[in-house]
Amino acid sequence: MKNKIEDLRNHLFETLEKLKDGDMEVETAKAVSGVAQTIINSAKVEIDYLRVTEQRSGTGFIPDEGGRKDDLPPPMRRVK
């Protein structure tokens, strides 16, 4: 996969810097934020899928650090 989570972080920090410096419109920054949130939600779904299926690698968006399955935290549960 070409784009990694580190790339997303870099783009978001770049957006924050441009917004702070006045080089970007607020509406543009909001659009970037919305797209980033969609990507993050997609990664969360992928992580949940990997946990449920007990797989160790996904699309490559989040790098596999070579850890063991036992190293993964339990899935988050929604609190009502």
PDB file of N, CA and C in Angstrom:
ATOM      1  N   MET A   1       0.841  -1.179   0.000  1.00  0.00           N
ATOM      2  CA  MET A   1       0.000   0.000   0.000  1.00  0.00           C
ATOM      3  C   MET A   1       0.884   1.240   0.000  1.00  0.00           C
ATOM      4  N   LYS A   2       0.489   2.206  -0.763  1.00  0.00           N
ATOM      5  CA  LYS A   2       1.286   3.421  -0.905  1.00  0.00           C
ATOM      6  C   LYS A   2       1.177   4.328   0.317  1.00  0.00           C
ATOM      7  N   ASN A   3      -0.029   4.624   0.761  1.00  0.00           N
ATOM      8  CA  ASN A   3      -0.240   5.552   1.869  1.00  0.00           C
ATOM      9  C   ASN A   3      -0.297   4.807   3.198  1.00  0.00           C
ATOM     10  N   LYS A   4       0.392   5.348   4.168  1.00  0.00           N
ATOM     11  CA  LYS A   4       0.461   4.750   5.504  1.00  0.00           C
ATOM     12  C   LYS A   4      -0.104   5.736   6.515  1.00  0.00           C
ATOM     13  N   ILE A   5      -0.329   5.252   7.721  1.00  0.00           N
ATOM     14  CA  ILE A   5      -0.869   6.112   8.768  1.00  0.00           C
ATOM     15  C   ILE A   5       0.063   7.291   9.059  1.00  0.00           C
ATOM     16  N   GLU A   6       1.369   7.072   8.900  1.00  0.00           N
ATOM     17  CA  GLU A   6       2.318   8.170   9.110  1.00  0.00           C
ATOM     18  C   GLU A   6       2.087   9.289   8.093  1.00  0.00           C
ATOM     19  N   ASP A   7       1.729   8.915   6.871  1.00  0.00           N
ATOM     20  CA  ASP A   7       1.429   9.913   5.846  1.00  0.00           C
ATOM     21  C   ASP A   7       0.211  10.743   6.249  1.00  0.00           C
ATOM     22  N   LEU A   8      -0.805  10.075   6.779  1.00  0.00           N
ATOM     23  CA  LEU A   8      -2.004  10.783   7.221  1.00  0.00           C
ATOM     24  C   LEU A   8      -1.655  11.766   8.335  1.00  0.00           C
ATOM     25  N   ARG A   9      -0.869  11.318   9.288  1.00  0.00           N
ATOM     26  CA  ARG A   9      -0.449  12.222  10.371  1.00  0.00           C
ATOM     27  C   ARG A   9       0.285  13.436   9.813  1.00  0.00           C
ATOM     28  N   ASN A  10       1.197  13.194   8.881  1.00  0.00           N
ATOM     29  CA  ASN A  10       1.949  14.304   8.294  1.00  0.00           C
ATOM     30  C   ASN A  10       1.031  15.299   7.590  1.00  0.00           C
ATOM     31  N   HIS A  11       0.057  14.789   6.849  1.00  0.00           N
ATOM     32  CA  HIS A  11      -0.883  15.677   6.160  1.00  0.00           C
ATOM     33  C   HIS A  11      -1.718  16.476   7.158  1.00  0.00           C
ATOM     34  N   LEU A  12      -2.128  15.819   8.230  1.00  0.00           N
ATOM     35  CA  LEU A  12      -2.941  16.524   9.220  1.00  0.00           C
ATOM     36  C   LEU A  12      -2.139  17.610   9.939  1.00  0.00           C
ATOM     37  N   PHE A  13      -0.893  17.323  10.264  1.00  0.00           N
ATOM     38  CA  PHE A  13      -0.067  18.353  10.899  1.00  0.00           C
ATOM     39  C   PHE A  13       0.228  19.494   9.926  1.00  0.00           C
ATOM     40  N   GLU A  14       0.414  19.163   8.661  1.00  0.00           N
ATOM     41  CA  GLU A  14       0.618  20.198   7.650  1.00  0.00           C
ATOM     42  C   GLU A  14      -0.620  21.085   7.544  1.00  0.00           C
ATOM     43  N   THR A  15      -1.793  20.459   7.568  1.00  0.00           N
ATOM     44  CA  THR A  15      -3.048  21.210   7.530  1.00  0.00           C
ATOM     45  C   THR A  15      -3.157  22.129   8.744  1.00  0.00           C
ATOM     46  N   LEU A  16      -2.830  21.609   9.906  1.00  0.00           N
ATOM     47  CA  LEU A  16      -2.876  22.404  11.132  1.00  0.00           C
ATOM     48  C   LEU A  16      -1.939  23.609  11.039  1.00  0.00           C
ATOM     49  N   GLU A  17      -0.744  23.396  10.535  1.00  0.00           N
ATOM     50  CA  GLU A  17       0.227  24.491  10.399  1.00  0.00           C
ATOM     51  C   GLU A  17      -0.268  25.550   9.411  1.00  0.00           C
ATOM     52  N   LYS A  18      -0.808  25.093   8.277  1.00  0.00           N
ATOM     53  CA  LYS A  18      -1.319  26.045   7.282  1.00  0.00           C
ATOM     54  C   LYS A  18      -2.497  26.836   7.846  1.00  0.00           C
ATOM     55  N   LEU A  19      -3.359  26.170   8.576  1.00  0.00           N
ATOM     56  CA  LEU A  19      -4.512  26.840   9.172  1.00  0.00           C
ATOM     57  C   LEU A  19      -4.044  27.878  10.186  1.00  0.00           C
ATOM     58  N   LYS A  20      -3.092  27.492  10.999  1.00  0.00           N
ATOM     59  CA  LYS A  20      -2.549  28.394  12.019  1.00  0.00           C
ATOM     60  C   LYS A  20      -1.875  29.615  11.380  1.00  0.00           C
ATOM     61  N   ASP A  21      -1.173  29.398  10.280  1.00  0.00           N
ATOM     62  CA  ASP A  21      -0.470  30.486   9.595  1.00  0.00           C
ATOM     63  C   ASP A  21      -1.393  31.331   8.715  1.00  0.00           C
ATOM     64  N   GLY A  22      -2.635  30.918   8.586  1.00  0.00           N
ATOM     65  CA  GLY A  22      -3.577  31.653   7.742  1.00  0.00           C
ATOM     66  C   GLY A  22      -3.459  31.326   6.272  1.00  0.00           C
ATOM     67  N   ASP A  23      -2.776  30.229   5.954  1.00  0.00           N
ATOM     68  CA  ASP A  23      -2.580  29.823   4.561  1.00  0.00           C
ATOM     69  C   ASP A  23      -3.646  28.845   4.067  1.00  0.00           C
ATOM     70  N   MET A  24      -4.663  28.605   4.889  1.00  0.00           N
ATOM     71  CA  MET A  24      -5.719  27.676   4.500  1.00  0.00           C
ATOM     72  C   MET A  24      -7.042  28.171   5.077  1.00  0.00           C
ATOM     73  N   GLU A  25      -8.086  28.020   4.298  1.00  0.00           N
ATOM     74  CA  GLU A  25      -9.424  28.394   4.757  1.00  0.00           C
ATOM     75  C   GLU A  25      -9.936  27.360   5.755  1.00  0.00           C
ATOM     76  N   VAL A  26     -10.730  27.814   6.696  1.00  0.00           N
ATOM     77  CA  VAL A  26     -11.290  26.921   7.708  1.00  0.00           C
ATOM     78  C   VAL A  26     -12.120  25.819   7.060  1.00  0.00           C
ATOM     79  N   GLU A  27     -12.887  26.155   6.044  1.00  0.00           N
ATOM     80  CA  GLU A  27     -13.733  25.153   5.382  1.00  0.00           C
ATOM     81  C   GLU A  27     -12.880  24.064   4.729  1.00  0.00           C
ATOM     82  N   THR A  28     -11.759  24.435   4.168  1.00  0.00           N
ATOM     83  CA  THR A  28     -10.857  23.447   3.571  1.00  0.00           C
ATOM     84  C   THR A  28     -10.299  22.533   4.651  1.00  0.00           C
ATOM     85  N   ALA A  29      -9.896  23.114   5.775  1.00  0.00           N
ATOM     86  CA  ALA A  29      -9.371  22.313   6.887  1.00  0.00           C
ATOM     87  C   ALA A  29     -10.445  21.359   7.415  1.00  0.00           C
ATOM     88  N   LYS A  30     -11.681  21.815   7.472  1.00  0.00           N
ATOM     89  CA  LYS A  30     -12.777  20.944   7.916  1.00  0.00           C
ATOM     90  C   LYS A  30     -12.973  19.779   6.941  1.00  0.00           C
ATOM     91  N   ALA A  31     -12.843  20.048   5.660  1.00  0.00           N
ATOM     92  CA  ALA A  31     -12.972  18.984   4.657  1.00  0.00           C
ATOM     93  C   ALA A  31     -11.847  17.969   4.819  1.00  0.00           C
ATOM     94  N   VAL A  32     -10.627  18.440   5.021  1.00  0.00           N
ATOM     95  CA  VAL A  32      -9.492  17.538   5.245  1.00  0.00           C
ATOM     96  C   VAL A  32      -9.741  16.696   6.488  1.00  0.00           C
ATOM     97  N   SER A  33     -10.226  17.327   7.541  1.00  0.00           N
ATOM     98  CA  SER A  33     -10.515  16.620   8.790  1.00  0.00           C
ATOM     99  C   SER A  33     -11.570  15.532   8.583  1.00  0.00           C
ATOM    100  N   GLY A  34     -12.602  15.844   7.809  1.00  0.00           N
ATOM    101  CA  GLY A  34     -13.654  14.865   7.543  1.00  0.00           C
ATOM    102  C   GLY A  34     -13.143  13.650   6.784  1.00  0.00           C
ATOM    103  N   VAL A  35     -12.321  13.896   5.782  1.00  0.00           N
ATOM    104  CA  VAL A  35     -11.740  12.789   5.019  1.00  0.00           C
ATOM    105  C   VAL A  35     -10.814  11.962   5.907  1.00  0.00           C
ATOM    106  N   ALA A  36     -10.016  12.643   6.729  1.00  0.00           N
ATOM    107  CA  ALA A  36      -9.114  11.933   7.642  1.00  0.00           C
ATOM    108  C   ALA A  36      -9.903  11.052   8.600  1.00  0.00           C
ATOM    109  N   GLN A  37     -11.019  11.558   9.119  1.00  0.00           N
ATOM    110  CA  GLN A  37     -11.829  10.763  10.042  1.00  0.00           C
ATOM    111  C   GLN A  37     -12.389   9.526   9.351  1.00  0.00           C
ATOM    112  N   THR A  38     -12.774   9.652   8.105  1.00  0.00           N
ATOM    113  CA  THR A  38     -13.262   8.501   7.342  1.00  0.00           C
ATOM    114  C   THR A  38     -12.162   7.451   7.188  1.00  0.00           C
ATOM    115  N   ILE A  39     -10.947   7.900   6.903  1.00  0.00           N
ATOM    116  CA  ILE A  39      -9.818   6.975   6.770  1.00  0.00           C
ATOM    117  C   ILE A  39      -9.536   6.289   8.105  1.00  0.00           C
ATOM    118  N   ILE A  40      -9.564   7.049   9.186  1.00  0.00           N
ATOM    119  CA  ILE A  40      -9.327   6.491  10.523  1.00  0.00           C
ATOM    120  C   ILE A  40     -10.394   5.458  10.873  1.00  0.00           C
ATOM    121  N   ASN A  41     -11.645   5.770  10.585  1.00  0.00           N
ATOM    122  CA  ASN A  41     -12.727   4.811  10.859  1.00  0.00           C
ATOM    123  C   ASN A  41     -12.544   3.535  10.051  1.00  0.00           C
ATOM    124  N   SER A  42     -12.101   3.668   8.820  1.00  0.00           N
ATOM    125  CA  SER A  42     -11.837   2.494   7.993  1.00  0.00           C
ATOM    126  C   SER A  42     -10.723   1.643   8.600  1.00  0.00           C
ATOM    127  N   ALA A  43      -9.687   2.285   9.114  1.00  0.00           N
ATOM    128  CA  ALA A  43      -8.584   1.548   9.749  1.00  0.00           C
ATOM    129  C   ALA A  43      -9.068   0.835  11.006  1.00  0.00           C
ATOM    130  N   LYS A  44      -9.963   1.471  11.760  1.00  0.00           N
ATOM    131  CA  LYS A  44     -10.515   0.829  12.965  1.00  0.00           C
ATOM    132  C   LYS A  44     -11.287  -0.438  12.600  1.00  0.00           C
ATOM    133  N   VAL A  45     -12.054  -0.371  11.529  1.00  0.00           N
ATOM    134  CA  VAL A  45     -12.799  -1.546  11.071  1.00  0.00           C
ATOM    135  C   VAL A  45     -11.833  -2.652  10.672  1.00  0.00           C
ATOM    136  N   GLU A  46     -10.766  -2.274   9.985  1.00  0.00           N
ATOM    137  CA  GLU A  46      -9.765  -3.262   9.579  1.00  0.00           C
ATOM    138  C   GLU A  46      -9.126  -3.929  10.798  1.00  0.00           C
ATOM    139  N   ILE A  47      -8.798  -3.151  11.807  1.00  0.00           N
ATOM    140  CA  ILE A  47      -8.205  -3.699  13.029  1.00  0.00           C
ATOM    141  C   ILE A  47      -9.169  -4.666  13.704  1.00  0.00           C
ATOM    142  N   ASP A  48     -10.432  -4.282  13.811  1.00  0.00           N
ATOM    143  CA  ASP A  48     -11.430  -5.172  14.406  1.00  0.00           C
ATOM    144  C   ASP A  48     -11.548  -6.469  13.614  1.00  0.00           C
ATOM    145  N   TYR A  49     -11.536  -6.362  12.289  1.00  0.00           N
ATOM    146  CA  TYR A  49     -11.611  -7.545  11.438  1.00  0.00           C
ATOM    147  C   TYR A  49     -10.415  -8.471  11.692  1.00  0.00           C
ATOM    148  N   LEU A  50      -9.233  -7.892  11.774  1.00  0.00           N
ATOM    149  CA  LEU A  50      -8.033  -8.699  12.012  1.00  0.00           C
ATOM    150  C   LEU A  50      -8.106  -9.405  13.368  1.00  0.00           C
ATOM    151  N   ARG A  51      -8.622  -8.720  14.369  1.00  0.00           N
ATOM    152  CA  ARG A  51      -8.769  -9.347  15.692  1.00  0.00           C
ATOM    153  C   ARG A  51      -9.742 -10.522  15.646  1.00  0.00           C
ATOM    154  N   VAL A  52     -10.882 -10.291  15.014  1.00  0.00           N
ATOM    155  CA  VAL A  52     -11.920 -11.327  14.959  1.00  0.00           C
ATOM    156  C   VAL A  52     -11.449 -12.546  14.184  1.00  0.00           C
ATOM    157  N   THR A  53     -10.727 -12.311  13.096  1.00  0.00           N
ATOM    158  CA  THR A  53     -10.277 -13.422  12.254  1.00  0.00           C
ATOM    159  C   THR A  53      -8.904 -13.946  12.663  1.00  0.00           C
ATOM    160  N   GLU A  54      -8.324 -13.312  13.686  1.00  0.00           N
ATOM    161  CA  GLU A  54      -7.013 -13.697  14.209  1.00  0.00           C
ATOM    162  C   GLU A  54      -5.921 -13.654  13.133  1.00  0.00           C
ATOM    163  N   GLN A  55      -6.040 -12.698  12.241  1.00  0.00           N
ATOM    164  CA  GLN A  55      -5.009 -12.486  11.226  1.00  0.00           C
ATOM    165  C   GLN A  55      -4.007 -11.469  11.741  1.00  0.00           C
ATOM    166  N   ARG A  56      -2.814 -11.482  11.168  1.00  0.00           N
ATOM    167  CA  ARG A  56      -1.749 -10.590  11.629  1.00  0.00           C
ATOM    168  C   ARG A  56      -1.459  -9.433  10.687  1.00  0.00           C
ATOM    169  N   SER A  57      -1.918  -9.492   9.464  1.00  0.00           N
ATOM    170  CA  SER A  57      -1.599  -8.395   8.551  1.00  0.00           C
ATOM    171  C   SER A  57      -2.834  -8.008   7.762  1.00  0.00           C
ATOM    172  N   GLY A  58      -2.912  -6.715   7.481  1.00  0.00           N
ATOM    173  CA  GLY A  58      -4.033  -6.191   6.721  1.00  0.00           C
ATOM    174  C   GLY A  58      -3.558  -5.559   5.434  1.00  0.00           C
ATOM    175  N   THR A  59      -4.039  -4.359   5.189  1.00  0.00           N
ATOM    176  CA  THR A  59      -3.714  -3.672   3.942  1.00  0.00           C
ATOM    177  C   THR A  59      -2.339  -3.030   3.957  1.00  0.00           C
ATOM    178  N   GLY A  60      -1.761  -2.885   5.131  1.00  0.00           N
ATOM    179  CA  GLY A  60      -0.468  -2.229   5.235  1.00  0.00           C
ATOM    180  C   GLY A  60      -0.570  -0.768   5.638  1.00  0.00           C
ATOM    181  N   PHE A  61      -1.793  -0.246   5.766  1.00  0.00           N
ATOM    182  CA  PHE A  61      -1.971   1.144   6.190  1.00  0.00           C
ATOM    183  C   PHE A  61      -1.355   1.354   7.572  1.00  0.00           C
ATOM    184  N   ILE A  62      -1.609   0.414   8.451  1.00  0.00           N
ATOM    185  CA  ILE A  62      -0.977   0.423   9.766  1.00  0.00           C
ATOM    186  C   ILE A  62       0.106  -0.643   9.718  1.00  0.00           C
ATOM    187  N   PRO A  63       1.375  -0.243   9.872  1.00  0.00           N
ATOM    188  CA  PRO A  63       2.455  -1.218   9.733  1.00  0.00           C
ATOM    189  C   PRO A  63       2.398  -2.307  10.792  1.00  0.00           C
ATOM    190  N   ASP A  64       2.698  -3.522  10.389  1.00  0.00           N
ATOM    191  CA  ASP A  64       2.786  -4.640  11.319  1.00  0.00           C
ATOM    192  C   ASP A  64       4.180  -4.604  11.926  1.00  0.00           C
ATOM    193  N   GLU A  65       4.231  -4.448  13.228  1.00  0.00           N
ATOM    194  CA  GLU A  65       5.515  -4.344  13.914  1.00  0.00           C
ATOM    195  C   GLU A  65       6.077  -5.710  14.290  1.00  0.00           C
ATOM    196  N   GLY A  66       5.438  -6.771  13.818  1.00  0.00           N
ATOM    197  CA  GLY A  66       5.948  -8.110  14.079  1.00  0.00           C
ATOM    198  C   GLY A  66       5.597  -8.633  15.458  1.00  0.00           C
ATOM    199  N   GLY A  67       4.645  -7.989  16.115  1.00  0.00           N
ATOM    200  CA  GLY A  67       4.235  -8.436  17.443  1.00  0.00           C
ATOM    201  C   GLY A  67       3.409  -9.703  17.385  1.00  0.00           C
ATOM    202  N   ARG A  68       3.196 -10.276  18.531  1.00  0.00           N
ATOM    203  CA  ARG A  68       2.378 -11.483  18.619  1.00  0.00           C
ATOM    204  C   ARG A  68       0.921 -11.097  18.825  1.00  0.00           C
ATOM    205  N   LYS A  69       0.032 -12.022  18.550  1.00  0.00           N
ATOM    206  CA  LYS A  69      -1.394 -11.798  18.743  1.00  0.00           C
ATOM    207  C   LYS A  69      -1.678 -11.441  20.192  1.00  0.00           C
ATOM    208  N   ASP A  70      -0.953 -12.033  21.138  1.00  0.00           N
ATOM    209  CA  ASP A  70      -1.169 -11.772  22.557  1.00  0.00           C
ATOM    210  C   ASP A  70      -0.817 -10.334  22.930  1.00  0.00           C
ATOM    211  N   ASP A  71      -0.047  -9.654  22.084  1.00  0.00           N
ATOM    212  CA  ASP A  71       0.351  -8.283  22.376  1.00  0.00           C
ATOM    213  C   ASP A  71      -0.750  -7.276  22.076  1.00  0.00           C
ATOM    214  N   LEU A  72      -1.783  -7.699  21.336  1.00  0.00           N
ATOM    215  CA  LEU A  72      -2.841  -6.779  20.950  1.00  0.00           C
ATOM    216  C   LEU A  72      -3.769  -6.521  22.125  1.00  0.00           C
ATOM    217  N   PRO A  73      -4.188  -5.250  22.296  1.00  0.00           N
ATOM    218  CA  PRO A  73      -5.168  -4.974  23.349  1.00  0.00           C
ATOM    219  C   PRO A  73      -6.516  -5.563  22.947  1.00  0.00           C
ATOM    220  N   PRO A  74      -7.381  -5.815  23.919  1.00  0.00           N
ATOM    221  CA  PRO A  74      -8.704  -6.346  23.573  1.00  0.00           C
ATOM    222  C   PRO A  74      -9.498  -5.296  22.805  1.00  0.00           C
ATOM    223  N   PRO A  75     -10.470  -5.727  22.007  1.00  0.00           N
ATOM    224  CA  PRO A  75     -11.288  -4.770  21.260  1.00  0.00           C
ATOM    225  C   PRO A  75     -11.999  -3.842  22.231  1.00  0.00           C
ATOM    226  N   MET A  76     -12.160  -2.599  21.818  1.00  0.00           N
ATOM    227  CA  MET A  76     -12.864  -1.629  22.659  1.00  0.00           C
ATOM    228  C   MET A  76     -14.349  -1.947  22.659  1.00  0.00           C
ATOM    229  N   ARG A  77     -14.951  -1.809  23.793  1.00  0.00           N
ATOM    230  CA  ARG A  77     -16.391  -2.024  23.905  1.00  0.00           C
ATOM    231  C   ARG A  77     -17.070  -0.683  24.115  1.00  0.00           C
ATOM    232  N   ARG A  78     -18.204  -0.516  23.481  1.00  0.00           N
ATOM    233  CA  ARG A  78     -18.948   0.734  23.654  1.00  0.00           C
ATOM    234  C   ARG A  78     -19.658   0.704  24.989  1.00  0.00           C
ATOM    235  N   VAL A  79     -19.567   1.822  25.670  1.00  0.00           N
ATOM    236  CA  VAL A  79     -20.248   1.974  26.950  1.00  0.00           C
ATOM    237  C   VAL A  79     -21.530   2.729  26.705  1.00  0.00           C
ATOM    238  N   LYS A  80     -22.625   2.183  27.233  1.00  0.00           N
ATOM    239  CA  LYS A  80     -23.934   2.834  27.029  1.00  0.00           C
ATOM    240  C   LYS A  80     -24.162   3.891  28.077  1.00  0.00           C
TER     241      LYS A  80
END
